[in-house]
């Protein structure tokens, strides 16, 4: 029975993360939903095995992030670098939401670990907030509209790939240490760094298109954007 509840609430959580990432990419949540559900179920199965069978809880979030990167790169055909960037931004935003709820309502991680119902409540609150936030963002047109296919500045992207690898390793380390204040600090800083980079890239792409097209010759949307 625990396995069933785990799958139900974890699927609700991963759906919220998926929705946030899709909104950042300017896709509707319902786009690719069936393919995403299959991937999410597989991700939750591996998470259950890692947590309950292998007792390697700290690796489960890392594998979930990598599975989402695979989903967006292989199925939705987003370039791997931008799949990783948007996945990290979406995941960190969700983790930040959940950590805030955990801090303000439950006070500690022990409360969640010792009382299973608290964990389910936390998942519902976090996932519900994530889904609502993604819906608001999509309605307001918040997301990245630049051409995702353009990969410029080779050395910049080498550094970016190195940063992504470091972030993934740190995710595993932080969950292993299980310190709430470190999680909050890390999720906030990482979310800010990658969001700043993505916004800066969008502004740079818009400026470059403006120089090429002139003040009136540009399109309303970049080639990689969605309505």
Foldseek 3Di string as FASTA:
>chain_A
DVLVLQLVLQLLLVLLLQLQLCLQLLHHSPVCVVVSSVLSSVLSVVCCCCCPVVVLNLCSVLVSLVSQLCCCCPPVNQPSLVSLLSSLLSVLVLLLLLLVCCCPPVNFPVSCVVDVVVVSVSSVRSSVVSNVVSVVSSVVVNHFFAARVDDDDVVVVVVSVVVSVVLSVVSSVCVVVRDSVVSNVSSVVSSVVSVVVRVVVSVVRVVVQCVVQPPPRHDPTHPSHDD
